[in-house]
């Protein structure tokens, strides 16, 4: 197997909905990740934070403590998810006799303040509430509140596209030094660059798009986006359902244009993978499940996308 530089994007839902659940789940998560490291690959780990940042934000919104801005909630989620992940990976490395440091970087990601997403907040966060509660919160704090699938009202924030990772040079230095780095947690803390100042904004960056930008900036060979299924599919759930193996950027772009992938599920994963595979000859992207990551890199399974 060729030794490659790999960015792995781990879904936030795979980490559990409480600190206790997460602490146990990451022990299982660490095993296939350390398989990649043991095989000699340079692994940079990114992760989602949807349930976790929602939990933190809900706690503060409930008035348990003074109000905490949303970017700070994102930073908190990066810290405690990274704490659990780095300890689990370190323990698994040591169990196998591998002496390799693991570090989490609290990571900011620049977004463009003219991104059209800021005109149409769409990403729900926090708890459900009645219309009366939502109207009161919108008036008190200026939040945008929307009805969510008949289950009540929730706050929504923009989901702008990532532009660049602020701490990229720190990540590069650590990876060059042979360390395992956990970064762009939850897509990174969204910031707008104003001269020398970085201003945090209440927004959510899709972790797959942020992982793709990270992979480009790190000049990675492989972007792996881990999900609940072994492969992506077209005609999903229909009689002519087809699970995709190795495929081209051109074919995936055709499937995207035909609307085969659901928004908020597989669509963003496929878009990120296509963007990375198109960015430079030789780059590959893989969509598969966590337990199949090593087999996917070896070309045995998963949806592999290349030019």
Protein backbone atom coordinates (compact mmCIF):
# COMPACT_ATOMS: atom_id res chain seq x y z
CA UNK A 1 0.00 0.00 0.00
CA UNK A 2 1.29 3.46 -0.90
CA UNK A 3 1.79 5.75 2.09
CA UNK A 4 -0.39 8.79 1.58
CA UNK A 5 -1.43 12.02 3.24
CA UNK A 6 -5.08 11.59 4.16
CA UNK A 7 -7.73 13.96 5.51
CA UNK A 8 -10.47 11.98 7.24
CA UNK A 9 -13.82 13.68 7.90
CA UNK A 10 -15.69 12.01 10.74
CA UNK A 11 -19.41 12.69 11.19
CA UNK A 12 -20.47 14.40 14.43
CA UNK A 13 -23.38 12.01 14.84
CA UNK A 14 -20.88 9.14 15.16
CA UNK A 15 -19.64 10.73 18.37
CA UNK A 16 -22.81 10.40 20.44
CA UNK A 17 -25.17 12.88 22.01
CA UNK A 18 -23.61 13.17 25.48
CA UNK A 19 -20.11 13.38 26.90
CA UNK A 20 -20.47 9.94 28.49
CA UNK A 21 -21.68 8.31 25.27
CA UNK A 22 -18.95 10.03 23.27
CA UNK A 23 -16.20 8.92 25.64
CA UNK A 24 -17.14 5.30 24.95
CA UNK A 25 -17.82 5.65 21.21
CA UNK A 26 -14.45 7.23 20.43
CA UNK A 27 -12.69 4.10 21.71
CA UNK A 28 -14.30 2.21 18.83
CA UNK A 29 -13.72 5.10 16.41
CA UNK A 30 -9.99 5.14 17.20
CA UNK A 31 -9.40 1.55 16.01
CA UNK A 32 -9.92 1.99 12.21
CA UNK A 33 -8.23 5.40 12.34
CA UNK A 34 -5.13 3.91 13.96
CA UNK A 35 -5.23 1.13 11.34
CA UNK A 36 -4.52 3.85 8.76
CA UNK A 37 -1.74 5.35 10.89
CA UNK A 38 -0.19 1.94 11.51
CA UNK A 39 -0.15 1.38 7.74
CA UNK A 40 2.13 4.41 7.48
CA UNK A 41 -0.31 7.05 6.29
CA UNK A 42 -0.23 10.65 7.50
CA UNK A 43 -3.71 11.13 8.96
CA UNK A 44 -5.31 14.53 9.60
CA UNK A 45 -8.68 14.17 11.29
CA UNK A 46 -11.67 16.50 10.93
CA UNK A 47 -15.06 15.96 12.54
CA UNK A 48 -18.61 17.24 12.77
CA UNK A 49 -20.17 18.73 15.89
CA UNK A 50 -23.90 19.08 15.19
CA UNK A 51 -25.32 17.32 18.26
CA UNK A 52 -22.54 18.59 20.50
CA UNK A 53 -22.68 22.30 19.66
CA UNK A 54 -26.47 22.13 19.79
CA UNK A 55 -26.29 20.70 23.29
CA UNK A 56 -23.89 23.44 24.43
CA UNK A 57 -25.96 26.18 22.81
CA UNK A 58 -29.19 24.85 24.32
CA UNK A 59 -27.65 24.83 27.81
CA UNK A 60 -26.67 28.48 27.53
CA UNK A 61 -29.98 29.46 25.94
CA UNK A 62 -31.74 27.87 28.91
CA UNK A 63 -30.13 30.50 31.10
CA UNK A 64 -28.06 28.07 33.14
CA UNK A 65 -25.19 30.56 32.84
CA UNK A 66 -24.83 33.98 31.20
CA UNK A 67 -25.46 34.07 27.44
CA UNK A 68 -22.64 32.63 25.30
CA UNK A 69 -22.23 33.67 21.62
CA UNK A 70 -22.50 30.87 19.06
CA UNK A 71 -18.85 31.02 17.81
CA UNK A 72 -17.70 30.44 21.40
CA UNK A 73 -20.05 27.44 21.63
CA UNK A 74 -18.33 26.06 18.52
CA UNK A 75 -14.92 26.53 20.12
CA UNK A 76 -16.10 24.68 23.22
CA UNK A 77 -17.34 21.76 21.13
CA UNK A 78 -13.99 21.56 19.31
CA UNK A 79 -12.21 21.42 22.64
CA UNK A 80 -14.18 18.68 24.32
CA UNK A 81 -14.61 16.50 21.21
CA UNK A 82 -10.89 16.83 20.55
CA UNK A 83 -10.12 15.97 24.17
CA UNK A 84 -11.98 12.67 23.84
CA UNK A 85 -10.69 11.84 20.35
CA UNK A 86 -7.04 12.57 21.02
CA UNK A 87 -7.01 10.52 24.20
CA UNK A 88 -8.72 7.55 22.51
CA UNK A 89 -6.36 7.66 19.52
CA UNK A 90 -3.32 8.07 21.77
CA UNK A 91 -4.40 5.09 23.87
CA UNK A 92 -4.91 2.90 20.79
CA UNK A 93 -1.55 3.96 19.35
CA UNK A 94 0.21 3.08 22.61
CA UNK A 95 -1.63 -0.24 22.81
CA UNK A 96 0.02 -1.10 19.49
CA UNK A 97 3.42 0.21 20.56
CA UNK A 98 3.30 3.28 18.31
CA UNK A 99 4.88 6.38 19.85
CA UNK A 100 3.15 9.24 18.02
CA UNK A 101 1.78 12.47 19.55
CA UNK A 102 -1.85 13.47 18.96
CA UNK A 103 -3.00 17.09 19.17
CA UNK A 104 -6.24 19.02 18.74
CA UNK A 105 -6.10 22.50 17.21
CA UNK A 106 -8.90 24.95 17.96
CA UNK A 107 -9.41 26.01 14.37
CA UNK A 108 -10.90 29.11 12.76
CA UNK A 109 -12.08 29.05 9.15
CA UNK A 110 -12.48 32.24 7.12
CA UNK A 111 -15.81 32.81 5.39
CA UNK A 112 -16.80 35.59 2.97
CA UNK A 113 -19.16 38.12 4.54
CA UNK A 114 -20.77 38.60 1.11
CA UNK A 115 -21.62 34.87 0.91
CA UNK A 116 -25.32 34.65 -0.08
CA UNK A 117 -25.88 32.20 2.81
CA UNK A 118 -25.92 35.20 5.18
CA UNK A 119 -29.07 36.44 3.42
CA UNK A 120 -30.86 33.14 3.96
CA UNK A 121 -30.08 31.49 7.33
CA UNK A 122 -31.09 27.83 7.00
CA UNK A 123 -29.11 25.69 9.47
CA UNK A 124 -31.24 24.81 12.54
CA UNK A 125 -29.51 24.79 15.92
CA UNK A 126 -30.64 24.35 19.49
CA UNK A 127 -33.92 23.11 20.90
CA UNK A 128 -37.50 23.17 19.59
CA UNK A 129 -39.92 25.74 20.96
CA UNK A 130 -43.43 27.07 20.46
CA UNK A 131 -44.18 29.95 18.11
CA UNK A 132 -44.73 32.24 21.11
CA UNK A 133 -41.33 31.31 22.57
CA UNK A 134 -39.66 31.72 19.16
CA UNK A 135 -41.22 35.15 18.60
CA UNK A 136 -40.09 36.30 22.04
CA UNK A 137 -36.51 35.11 21.43
CA UNK A 138 -36.42 36.72 17.99
CA UNK A 139 -37.49 40.04 19.48
CA UNK A 140 -35.17 39.82 22.48
CA UNK A 141 -31.98 38.67 20.74
CA UNK A 142 -32.62 39.30 17.05
CA UNK A 143 -32.40 35.61 16.14
CA UNK A 144 -33.93 34.21 12.95
CA UNK A 145 -36.48 31.55 13.91
CA UNK A 146 -38.10 29.06 11.52
CA UNK A 147 -40.62 26.26 11.77
CA UNK A 148 -38.87 22.88 11.48
CA UNK A 149 -40.73 19.95 9.91
CA UNK A 150 -43.86 20.35 12.01
CA UNK A 151 -41.97 19.74 15.24
CA UNK A 152 -41.78 23.32 16.44
CA UNK A 153 -39.63 26.39 15.91
CA UNK A 154 -35.83 26.55 16.06
CA UNK A 155 -33.17 29.16 15.62
CA UNK A 156 -31.48 29.07 12.21
CA UNK A 157 -28.05 30.42 11.28
CA UNK A 158 -26.27 30.84 7.92
CA UNK A 159 -24.10 28.08 6.45
CA UNK A 160 -21.47 29.92 4.37
CA UNK A 161 -18.81 28.16 2.31
CA UNK A 162 -15.30 27.92 3.82
CA UNK A 163 -12.53 29.98 2.21
CA UNK A 164 -9.37 29.02 4.11
CA UNK A 165 -8.16 27.53 7.38
CA UNK A 166 -6.55 30.19 9.57
CA UNK A 167 -4.27 27.84 11.53
CA UNK A 168 -3.09 25.91 8.45
CA UNK A 169 0.61 26.60 9.07
CA UNK A 170 0.33 25.16 12.59
CA UNK A 171 -1.35 22.04 11.18
CA UNK A 172 1.33 21.70 8.49
CA UNK A 173 4.15 21.98 11.04
CA UNK A 174 2.64 19.35 13.31
CA UNK A 175 1.94 16.92 10.46
CA UNK A 176 5.47 17.42 9.09
CA UNK A 177 6.74 16.59 12.58
CA UNK A 178 4.89 13.26 12.44
CA UNK A 179 2.02 14.15 14.74
CA UNK A 180 -1.64 13.20 14.33
CA UNK A 181 -3.71 16.38 14.14
CA UNK A 182 -7.42 16.88 14.86
CA UNK A 183 -8.59 20.11 13.25
CA UNK A 184 -11.50 22.08 11.65
CA UNK A 185 -13.84 20.52 14.22
CA UNK A 186 -17.47 21.12 13.26
CA UNK A 187 -16.29 22.76 10.04
CA UNK A 188 -14.19 25.25 12.01
CA UNK A 189 -15.20 28.39 13.90
CA UNK A 190 -16.52 30.75 11.19
CA UNK A 191 -14.67 34.06 11.13
CA UNK A 192 -14.65 37.11 8.88
CA UNK A 193 -11.23 38.66 8.22
CA UNK A 194 -11.11 42.42 8.67
CA UNK A 195 -7.53 43.65 8.26
CA UNK A 196 -5.63 41.95 11.12
CA UNK A 197 -8.79 41.19 13.09
CA UNK A 198 -10.79 37.95 12.90
CA UNK A 199 -14.42 38.33 13.93
CA UNK A 200 -16.42 35.26 14.87
CA UNK A 201 -19.89 35.00 13.30
CA UNK A 202 -22.97 33.01 14.28
CA UNK A 203 -22.90 30.47 11.47
CA UNK A 204 -22.22 26.80 10.78
CA UNK A 205 -19.73 25.66 8.14
CA UNK A 206 -20.46 22.26 6.64
CA UNK A 207 -17.73 19.93 7.92
CA UNK A 208 -17.40 18.15 4.57
CA UNK A 209 -16.73 21.40 2.71
CA UNK A 210 -14.28 22.51 5.42
CA UNK A 211 -12.50 19.15 5.24
CA UNK A 212 -12.17 19.59 1.48
CA UNK A 213 -10.59 23.03 1.87
CA UNK A 214 -8.28 21.60 4.54
CA UNK A 215 -7.30 18.73 2.23
CA UNK A 216 -6.48 21.14 -0.61
CA UNK A 217 -4.44 23.42 1.67
CA UNK A 218 -2.58 20.41 3.09
CA UNK A 219 -1.91 19.07 -0.44
CA UNK A 220 -3.40 15.75 0.65
CA UNK A 221 -3.51 12.70 -1.60
CA UNK A 222 -6.84 11.42 -0.29
CA UNK A 223 -9.98 12.93 1.20
CA UNK A 224 -12.07 10.36 3.05
CA UNK A 225 -15.58 11.31 4.11
CA UNK A 226 -17.01 8.78 6.54
CA UNK A 227 -20.73 8.18 6.76
CA UNK A 228 -23.25 5.55 7.85
CA UNK A 229 -23.13 3.57 4.59
CA UNK A 230 -20.36 1.75 2.73
CA UNK A 231 -21.00 3.48 -0.61
CA UNK A 232 -22.97 6.31 -2.18
CA UNK A 233 -25.90 5.31 -4.37
CA UNK A 234 -27.95 6.61 -7.25
CA UNK A 235 -31.71 5.91 -7.40
CA UNK A 236 -31.43 5.39 -3.64
CA UNK A 237 -34.32 3.39 -2.16
CA UNK A 238 -35.79 2.61 -5.59
CA UNK A 239 -35.96 -0.70 -7.49
CA UNK A 240 -33.08 0.38 -9.75
CA UNK A 241 -30.88 1.47 -6.81
CA UNK A 242 -27.18 1.30 -7.73
CA UNK A 243 -24.30 1.46 -5.25
CA UNK A 244 -21.32 3.28 -6.72
CA UNK A 245 -17.79 1.90 -6.67
CA UNK A 246 -14.87 3.60 -8.42
CA UNK A 247 -16.20 6.41 -10.58
CA UNK A 248 -15.07 9.56 -12.35
CA UNK A 249 -15.57 13.21 -11.51
CA UNK A 250 -17.50 13.59 -14.77
CA UNK A 251 -19.93 10.81 -13.88
CA UNK A 252 -20.47 12.16 -10.36
CA UNK A 253 -21.12 15.63 -11.75
CA UNK A 254 -23.76 14.10 -14.04
CA UNK A 255 -25.39 12.34 -11.06
CA UNK A 256 -25.34 15.62 -9.12
CA UNK A 257 -27.05 17.43 -12.00
CA UNK A 258 -29.70 14.69 -12.11
CA UNK A 259 -30.46 15.23 -8.42
CA UNK A 260 -29.55 11.79 -7.07
CA UNK A 261 -28.21 12.93 -3.70
CA UNK A 262 -30.24 14.35 -0.81
CA UNK A 263 -29.38 17.76 0.65
CA UNK A 264 -28.23 17.53 4.25
CA UNK A 265 -27.24 13.91 3.75
CA UNK A 266 -25.16 12.67 0.80
CA UNK A 267 -25.25 15.80 -1.41
CA UNK A 268 -22.63 17.80 0.48
CA UNK A 269 -20.35 14.76 0.79
CA UNK A 270 -20.42 14.13 -2.95
CA UNK A 271 -19.93 17.83 -3.78
CA UNK A 272 -16.91 18.05 -1.48
CA UNK A 273 -15.38 14.87 -2.90
CA UNK A 274 -15.88 16.00 -6.49
CA UNK A 275 -14.30 19.38 -5.75
CA UNK A 276 -11.24 17.75 -4.18
CA UNK A 277 -10.77 15.12 -6.89
CA UNK A 278 -11.02 17.83 -9.56
CA UNK A 279 -8.58 20.18 -7.80
CA UNK A 280 -5.36 18.41 -8.89
CA UNK A 281 -4.45 15.37 -10.98
CA UNK A 282 -3.83 12.30 -8.84
CA UNK A 283 -6.06 13.36 -5.96
CA UNK A 284 -8.74 10.89 -4.90
CA UNK A 285 -11.79 11.09 -2.67
CA UNK A 286 -13.57 8.27 -0.88
CA UNK A 287 -17.02 7.97 0.66
CA UNK A 288 -17.44 4.97 2.93
CA UNK A 289 -18.19 3.84 6.47
CA UNK A 290 -15.71 4.14 9.32
CA UNK A 291 -15.05 0.40 9.56
CA UNK A 292 -14.33 0.19 5.81
CA UNK A 293 -11.87 3.11 5.59
CA UNK A 294 -8.74 0.95 5.26
CA UNK A 295 -10.38 -1.32 2.66
CA UNK A 296 -11.56 1.77 0.79
CA UNK A 297 -8.04 3.19 0.53
CA UNK A 298 -6.90 -0.17 -0.83
CA UNK A 299 -9.63 0.03 -3.50
CA UNK A 300 -11.65 -2.89 -2.11
CA UNK A 301 -14.86 -0.98 -1.34
CA UNK A 302 -16.43 2.45 -1.00
CA UNK A 303 -17.21 5.10 -3.60
CA UNK A 304 -13.85 6.27 -4.95
CA UNK A 305 -13.88 9.43 -7.08
CA UNK A 306 -11.02 10.55 -9.30
CA UNK A 307 -10.52 12.52 -12.51
